[in-house]
Amino acid sequence: MTEPKSSFVWYNGKLVPWEKATVHVMSHALHYGTSWFEGIRCYETRRGPEIFQFGEHVRRLFNSCKIYRTDIPFSPAEIEEAILETIRANSLRACYIRPLIFRGYGELGVNPLKNPIDVVILVWEWGRYLGEDGLEQGVDVCVSSWARAAPNTFPTLAKVGGNYINSTLINMEATLKGYTEGIALDTNGLVSEGAGENIFVIQDGRISTPPVVSAILPGITRGAVITLARERGYPVIEEQISRERLYIADEVFLTGTAAEVTPVRSVDGIGVGPGRRGPITSRIQEDFFDYVGGKVEDRHGWMTSVYREARVGA
């Protein structure tokens, strides 16, 4: 994977060259993980460049900060307009978008409230997170020895940088064992999610996915996939899932902004179904990529044009 890079970064209201978008080593986020972010994708569609679930992502960003008593010094409309400005400034047609809020250089101590709040927007070209072949052939995953957070430890509904230390442990363990990704269980030993993806299990034509109480981040792609699957007539149930169901499932797939819709072909070395992408996963995957590629009508209002006119008073 190549290093991410583009020409300009939006930094506290101004576009600055990529190389000059730096932070002080005393920034609170570096010491205590006080950063909040989103992963958003802009797709090259038949209608031109469009952002998938733009408003939902920005809403979740603000909600994540609210949970941590952090007030973003820009409105949601201003953040949306800044993202559009950054994509245009970098002349990108398809890209990954990373808005980042973090506590900057001020006091050093666990209490972050006196530290300034910095806002950064980065965009760059980024391909398939789990590999191009993985979309068709499926990926090999393992159940991690690391569990997701217990209730009332820290909020898993917030997409906060500190939470992802858990994800790095899960992913590193899987990688060093020769797997593409790791799957975490919750504190009850039930399936939670991947290091950076939600998970779906299919058996006898019925689709299951863990609920919020299983310490998942309720993914925006997850929500879209549930909608698309139900439109196809598949029953989708949010329910707690035991580990062994992964081994006897007909199909398993992962979802996320980065992972999109990626089939799982094996879990802990046990083949899922026939050991390749299954028919229901294939159909959902096709529906998803047709939608974000603009091959079908935007019937849910999920797509936002990058080159629309700027909002007045944004």
Protein backbone atom coordinates (compact mmCIF):
# COMPACT_ATOMS: atom_id res chain seq x y z
CA MET A 1 0.00 0.00 0.00
CA THR A 2 1.46 3.37 -1.01
CA GLU A 3 1.71 6.26 1.41
CA PRO A 4 -1.37 8.51 1.29
CA LYS A 5 -0.70 11.90 -0.24
CA SER A 6 -2.38 14.73 -2.09
CA SER A 7 -1.56 18.40 -2.67
CA PHE A 8 -3.59 20.27 -0.05
CA VAL A 9 -4.99 19.73 3.43
CA TRP A 10 -7.77 21.82 4.97
CA TYR A 11 -6.43 22.90 8.36
CA ASN A 12 -8.51 25.06 10.72
CA GLY A 13 -10.24 26.87 7.89
CA LYS A 14 -7.37 27.20 5.39
CA LEU A 15 -5.93 25.05 2.63
CA VAL A 16 -2.25 24.34 3.31
CA PRO A 17 0.31 22.24 1.38
CA TRP A 18 0.30 18.58 2.41
CA GLU A 19 3.87 18.76 3.75
CA LYS A 20 3.06 21.69 6.03
CA ALA A 21 0.01 20.10 7.68
CA THR A 22 1.84 19.31 10.92
CA VAL A 23 1.06 19.23 14.67
CA HIS A 24 3.13 19.94 17.76
CA VAL A 25 4.49 16.93 19.62
CA MET A 26 2.80 18.23 22.79
CA SER A 27 -0.65 17.96 21.22
CA HIS A 28 -3.04 16.29 23.64
CA ALA A 29 -4.23 13.79 21.01
CA LEU A 30 -0.73 12.33 20.63
CA HIS A 31 -0.50 11.61 24.35
CA TYR A 32 -4.08 10.60 25.21
CA GLY A 33 -5.88 9.61 22.00
CA THR A 34 -8.28 12.57 22.01
CA SER A 35 -9.11 12.63 18.32
CA TRP A 36 -12.35 11.97 16.45
CA PHE A 37 -12.59 11.13 12.79
CA GLU A 38 -14.63 9.78 9.93
CA GLY A 39 -13.79 7.67 6.90
CA ILE A 40 -15.85 8.77 3.89
CA ARG A 41 -15.63 7.78 0.23
CA CYS A 42 -16.07 9.83 -2.89
CA TYR A 43 -16.87 7.68 -5.91
CA GLU A 44 -16.54 8.41 -9.61
CA THR A 45 -20.10 7.75 -10.69
CA ARG A 46 -21.83 7.99 -14.05
CA ARG A 47 -23.13 11.35 -12.84
CA GLY A 48 -19.67 12.57 -11.85
CA PRO A 49 -17.83 12.50 -8.50
CA GLU A 50 -20.24 11.88 -5.61
CA ILE A 51 -19.80 11.33 -1.87
CA PHE A 52 -21.58 8.37 -0.29
CA GLN A 53 -23.73 9.07 2.79
CA PHE A 54 -22.12 12.49 3.24
CA GLY A 55 -24.56 13.92 5.77
CA GLU A 56 -24.65 10.73 7.84
CA HIS A 57 -20.89 10.70 8.21
CA VAL A 58 -20.71 14.34 9.26
CA ARG A 59 -23.56 13.78 11.72
CA ARG A 60 -21.70 10.86 13.29
CA LEU A 61 -18.54 12.97 13.54
CA PHE A 62 -20.39 15.62 15.52
CA ASN A 63 -22.08 12.99 17.69
CA SER A 64 -18.72 11.35 18.47
CA CYS A 65 -17.35 14.70 19.64
CA LYS A 66 -20.49 15.48 21.64
CA ILE A 67 -20.10 12.27 23.65
CA TYR A 68 -16.65 13.53 24.68
CA ARG A 69 -17.82 17.07 25.53
CA THR A 70 -15.98 18.47 22.52
CA ASP A 71 -17.45 21.35 20.52
CA ILE A 72 -16.29 21.49 16.91
CA PRO A 73 -15.59 25.17 16.07
CA PHE A 74 -17.40 24.83 12.74
CA SER A 75 -20.99 23.93 11.86
CA PRO A 76 -21.88 20.69 10.04
CA ALA A 77 -22.61 22.73 6.89
CA GLU A 78 -19.18 24.38 7.12
CA ILE A 79 -17.46 21.01 7.51
CA GLU A 80 -19.34 19.63 4.51
CA GLU A 81 -18.39 22.63 2.40
CA ALA A 82 -14.77 22.37 3.54
CA ILE A 83 -14.67 18.72 2.46
CA LEU A 84 -16.02 19.64 -0.97
CA GLU A 85 -13.48 22.47 -1.22
CA THR A 86 -10.62 20.13 -0.34
CA ILE A 87 -11.59 17.54 -2.95
CA ARG A 88 -11.87 20.24 -5.61
CA ALA A 89 -8.54 21.82 -4.61
CA ASN A 90 -6.86 18.43 -5.07
CA SER A 91 -8.63 17.83 -8.43
CA LEU A 92 -9.77 14.38 -7.34
CA ARG A 93 -12.58 12.42 -8.94
CA ALA A 94 -12.58 9.49 -6.51
CA CYS A 95 -10.96 9.51 -3.10
CA TYR A 96 -11.01 8.61 0.57
CA ILE A 97 -11.94 11.48 2.89
CA ARG A 98 -10.67 11.80 6.46
CA PRO A 99 -12.06 14.67 8.55
CA LEU A 100 -10.16 14.73 11.84
CA ILE A 101 -10.90 16.64 15.02
CA PHE A 102 -8.26 16.59 17.75
CA ARG A 103 -7.20 18.23 20.98
CA GLY A 104 -4.08 20.23 20.22
CA TYR A 105 -1.22 21.89 22.07
CA GLY A 106 -2.20 23.36 25.43
CA GLU A 107 -1.97 21.79 28.83
CA LEU A 108 -0.54 18.31 29.34
CA GLY A 109 -2.68 16.15 31.56
CA VAL A 110 -5.52 13.69 31.28
CA ASN A 111 -8.18 16.44 31.45
CA PRO A 112 -8.46 17.76 27.87
CA LEU A 113 -10.93 20.60 28.39
CA LYS A 114 -8.40 23.46 28.25
CA ASN A 115 -6.72 22.24 25.09
CA PRO A 116 -7.60 23.82 21.75
CA ILE A 117 -9.66 21.92 19.19
CA ASP A 118 -8.05 21.57 15.77
CA VAL A 119 -9.90 20.52 12.62
CA VAL A 120 -8.24 18.85 9.65
CA ILE A 121 -9.61 17.44 6.39
CA LEU A 122 -7.47 15.09 4.32
CA VAL A 123 -8.33 13.51 0.97
CA TRP A 124 -6.34 11.06 -1.13
CA GLU A 125 -6.74 8.27 -3.64
CA TRP A 126 -7.15 4.93 -1.86
CA GLY A 127 -8.01 1.62 -3.42
CA ARG A 128 -9.52 -1.50 -1.89
CA TYR A 129 -8.73 -1.66 1.83
CA LEU A 130 -8.68 -5.47 2.02
CA GLY A 131 -7.28 -5.93 -1.47
CA GLU A 132 -8.75 -6.01 -4.96
CA ASP A 133 -8.73 -9.82 -5.06
CA GLY A 134 -10.53 -9.95 -1.74
CA LEU A 135 -13.67 -8.44 -3.25
CA GLU A 136 -14.06 -11.44 -5.55
CA GLN A 137 -12.18 -14.29 -3.91
CA GLY A 138 -12.89 -13.39 -0.29
CA VAL A 139 -10.46 -12.92 2.60
CA ASP A 140 -9.18 -15.17 5.36
CA VAL A 141 -9.89 -13.99 8.91
CA CYS A 142 -9.32 -15.24 12.44
CA VAL A 143 -11.08 -14.72 15.73
CA SER A 144 -8.85 -12.47 17.81
CA SER A 145 -7.69 -13.10 21.36
CA TRP A 146 -8.46 -9.43 21.98
CA ALA A 147 -12.05 -8.58 22.93
CA ARG A 148 -14.04 -5.41 22.35
CA ALA A 149 -14.76 -3.05 25.22
CA ALA A 150 -17.04 -3.93 28.10
CA PRO A 151 -20.08 -1.67 28.64
CA ASN A 152 -19.36 1.48 30.64
CA THR A 153 -15.62 1.41 29.97
CA PHE A 154 -15.52 3.75 27.00
CA PRO A 155 -18.19 4.59 24.40
CA THR A 156 -18.01 2.37 21.33
CA LEU A 157 -20.62 4.52 19.57
CA ALA A 158 -17.99 7.25 19.23
CA LYS A 159 -15.46 7.01 16.41
CA VAL A 160 -12.54 8.19 18.53
CA GLY A 161 -8.85 7.65 17.90
CA GLY A 162 -8.17 6.10 21.29
CA ASN A 163 -10.63 3.26 20.61
CA TYR A 164 -8.55 2.12 17.66
CA ILE A 165 -5.66 0.93 19.81
CA ASN A 166 -7.87 -2.13 20.30
CA SER A 167 -8.26 -2.41 16.52
CA THR A 168 -4.50 -2.25 15.94
CA LEU A 169 -3.97 -5.14 18.36
CA ILE A 170 -6.62 -7.21 16.57
CA ASN A 171 -5.25 -6.45 13.11
CA MET A 172 -1.59 -6.98 14.04
CA GLU A 173 -2.36 -10.33 15.64
CA ALA A 174 -4.23 -11.44 12.52
CA THR A 175 -1.54 -10.19 10.14
CA LEU A 176 1.28 -11.89 12.01
CA LYS A 177 -0.67 -15.15 11.90
CA GLY A 178 -1.07 -14.85 8.12
CA TYR A 179 -4.70 -13.69 8.02
CA THR A 180 -6.10 -10.62 6.30
CA GLU A 181 -8.16 -9.43 9.26
CA GLY A 182 -9.19 -10.28 12.80
CA ILE A 183 -12.68 -10.59 14.27
CA ALA A 184 -13.25 -9.47 17.85
CA LEU A 185 -15.68 -11.00 20.32
CA ASP A 186 -17.46 -8.91 22.94
CA THR A 187 -16.99 -9.41 26.68
CA ASN A 188 -19.66 -12.12 26.63
CA GLY A 189 -17.71 -14.12 24.06
CA LEU A 190 -20.15 -13.27 21.26
CA VAL A 191 -19.22 -11.90 17.84
CA SER A 192 -18.69 -8.14 17.76
CA GLU A 193 -16.93 -6.88 14.60
CA GLY A 194 -13.68 -6.76 12.68
CA ALA A 195 -10.80 -4.45 13.49
CA GLY A 196 -12.31 -1.88 11.14
CA GLU A 197 -15.42 -3.52 9.73
CA ASN A 198 -18.88 -4.73 10.67
CA ILE A 199 -19.69 -8.37 10.03
CA PHE A 200 -22.68 -10.20 8.52
CA VAL A 201 -23.44 -13.93 8.74
CA ILE A 202 -25.73 -15.72 6.29
CA GLN A 203 -27.39 -19.07 6.93
CA ASP A 204 -30.36 -20.59 5.10
CA GLY A 205 -31.02 -17.31 3.28
CA ARG A 206 -31.23 -15.35 6.54
CA ILE A 207 -28.77 -12.52 7.21
CA SER A 208 -27.64 -11.75 10.78
CA THR A 209 -25.42 -8.96 12.09
CA PRO A 210 -24.42 -8.13 15.69
CA PRO A 211 -26.42 -5.42 17.48
CA VAL A 212 -25.07 -2.23 19.05
CA VAL A 213 -24.95 -3.96 22.48
CA SER A 214 -22.17 -6.20 21.13
CA ALA A 215 -19.81 -3.19 21.33
CA ILE A 216 -19.88 -2.43 17.62
CA LEU A 217 -19.51 0.88 15.87
CA PRO A 218 -22.81 1.02 13.96
CA GLY A 219 -21.32 1.50 10.53
CA ILE A 220 -22.88 3.71 7.90
CA THR A 221 -22.09 1.17 5.17
CA ARG A 222 -23.61 -1.45 7.47
CA GLY A 223 -26.86 0.50 7.53
CA ALA A 224 -26.91 0.92 3.76
CA VAL A 225 -26.27 -2.79 3.22
CA ILE A 226 -29.14 -3.70 5.55
CA THR A 227 -31.42 -1.48 3.46
CA LEU A 228 -30.22 -2.94 0.15
CA ALA A 229 -30.52 -6.52 1.40
CA ARG A 230 -34.08 -5.97 2.63
CA GLU A 231 -34.97 -4.42 -0.71
CA ARG A 232 -33.84 -7.70 -2.25
CA GLY A 233 -36.27 -9.51 0.04
CA TYR A 234 -33.67 -10.99 2.40
CA PRO A 235 -34.57 -11.03 6.09
CA VAL A 236 -31.90 -9.12 8.03
CA ILE A 237 -31.81 -9.62 11.79
CA GLU A 238 -29.71 -7.69 14.31
CA GLU A 239 -28.95 -10.34 16.91
CA GLN A 240 -26.18 -11.68 19.07
CA ILE A 241 -24.06 -14.25 17.23
CA SER A 242 -22.04 -17.06 18.79
CA ARG A 243 -18.50 -17.70 17.58
CA GLU A 244 -19.25 -21.16 16.23
CA ARG A 245 -21.87 -19.76 13.87
CA LEU A 246 -19.01 -18.26 11.88
CA TYR A 247 -17.73 -21.78 11.17
CA ILE A 248 -21.02 -23.24 9.96
CA ALA A 249 -22.34 -20.19 8.09
CA ASP A 250 -23.18 -20.44 4.41
CA GLU A 251 -21.65 -17.02 3.83
CA VAL A 252 -19.91 -14.28 5.81
CA PHE A 253 -19.01 -10.78 4.67
CA LEU A 254 -17.54 -7.57 6.08
CA THR A 255 -18.67 -4.00 5.50
CA GLY A 256 -17.16 -0.58 6.04
CA THR A 257 -16.27 2.63 4.25
CA ALA A 258 -12.78 1.31 3.55
CA ALA A 259 -13.68 -2.39 3.19
CA GLU A 260 -16.93 -1.66 1.29
CA VAL A 261 -18.49 -5.15 0.93
CA THR A 262 -15.83 -7.86 1.24
CA PRO A 263 -16.60 -11.62 1.39
CA VAL A 264 -14.94 -13.87 3.98
CA ARG A 265 -13.81 -17.23 2.62
CA SER A 266 -12.45 -18.74 5.85
CA VAL A 267 -12.52 -18.19 9.61
CA ASP A 268 -9.70 -19.67 11.71
CA GLY A 269 -8.77 -21.81 8.71
CA ILE A 270 -12.27 -23.26 8.38
CA GLY A 271 -13.81 -22.61 4.97
CA VAL A 272 -17.01 -20.59 4.90
CA GLY A 273 -19.55 -22.41 2.72
CA PRO A 274 -17.72 -23.46 -0.44
CA GLY A 275 -14.70 -21.31 0.53
CA ARG A 276 -15.44 -18.47 -1.88
CA ARG A 277 -17.86 -15.59 -2.34
CA GLY A 278 -21.42 -16.84 -2.00
CA PRO A 279 -24.46 -15.92 -4.12
CA ILE A 280 -26.19 -13.64 -1.59
CA THR A 281 -22.97 -11.77 -0.80
CA SER A 282 -22.35 -11.43 -4.54
CA ARG A 283 -25.83 -9.97 -5.09
CA ILE A 284 -25.52 -7.49 -2.22
CA GLN A 285 -22.04 -6.53 -3.35
CA GLU A 286 -23.30 -5.92 -6.88
CA ASP A 287 -26.20 -3.82 -5.60
CA PHE A 288 -23.85 -1.76 -3.44
CA PHE A 289 -21.35 -1.03 -6.20
CA ASP A 290 -24.12 -0.29 -8.70
CA TYR A 291 -25.49 2.24 -6.25
CA VAL A 292 -22.24 4.02 -5.38
CA GLY A 293 -21.16 3.85 -9.03
CA GLY A 294 -24.28 5.71 -10.15
CA LYS A 295 -25.51 2.83 -12.28
CA VAL A 296 -28.91 3.04 -10.60
CA GLU A 297 -31.07 5.92 -9.46
CA ASP A 298 -30.11 7.49 -6.13
CA ARG A 299 -33.47 6.47 -4.68
CA HIS A 300 -32.38 6.95 -1.04
CA GLY A 301 -30.60 10.27 -1.46
CA TRP A 302 -27.30 8.74 -0.35
CA MET A 303 -25.09 10.45 -2.94
CA THR A 304 -23.88 14.08 -2.92
CA SER A 305 -22.28 15.70 -5.95
CA VAL A 306 -18.83 17.18 -5.35
CA TYR A 307 -19.27 19.87 -7.96
CA ARG A 308 -22.61 21.25 -6.85
CA GLU A 309 -22.70 24.97 -6.14
CA ALA A 310 -21.29 26.04 -2.77
CA ARG A 311 -23.91 26.77 -0.17
CA VAL A 312 -24.59 30.39 0.57
CA GLY A 313 -23.69 31.23 4.16
CA ALA A 314 -22.19 27.80 4.81
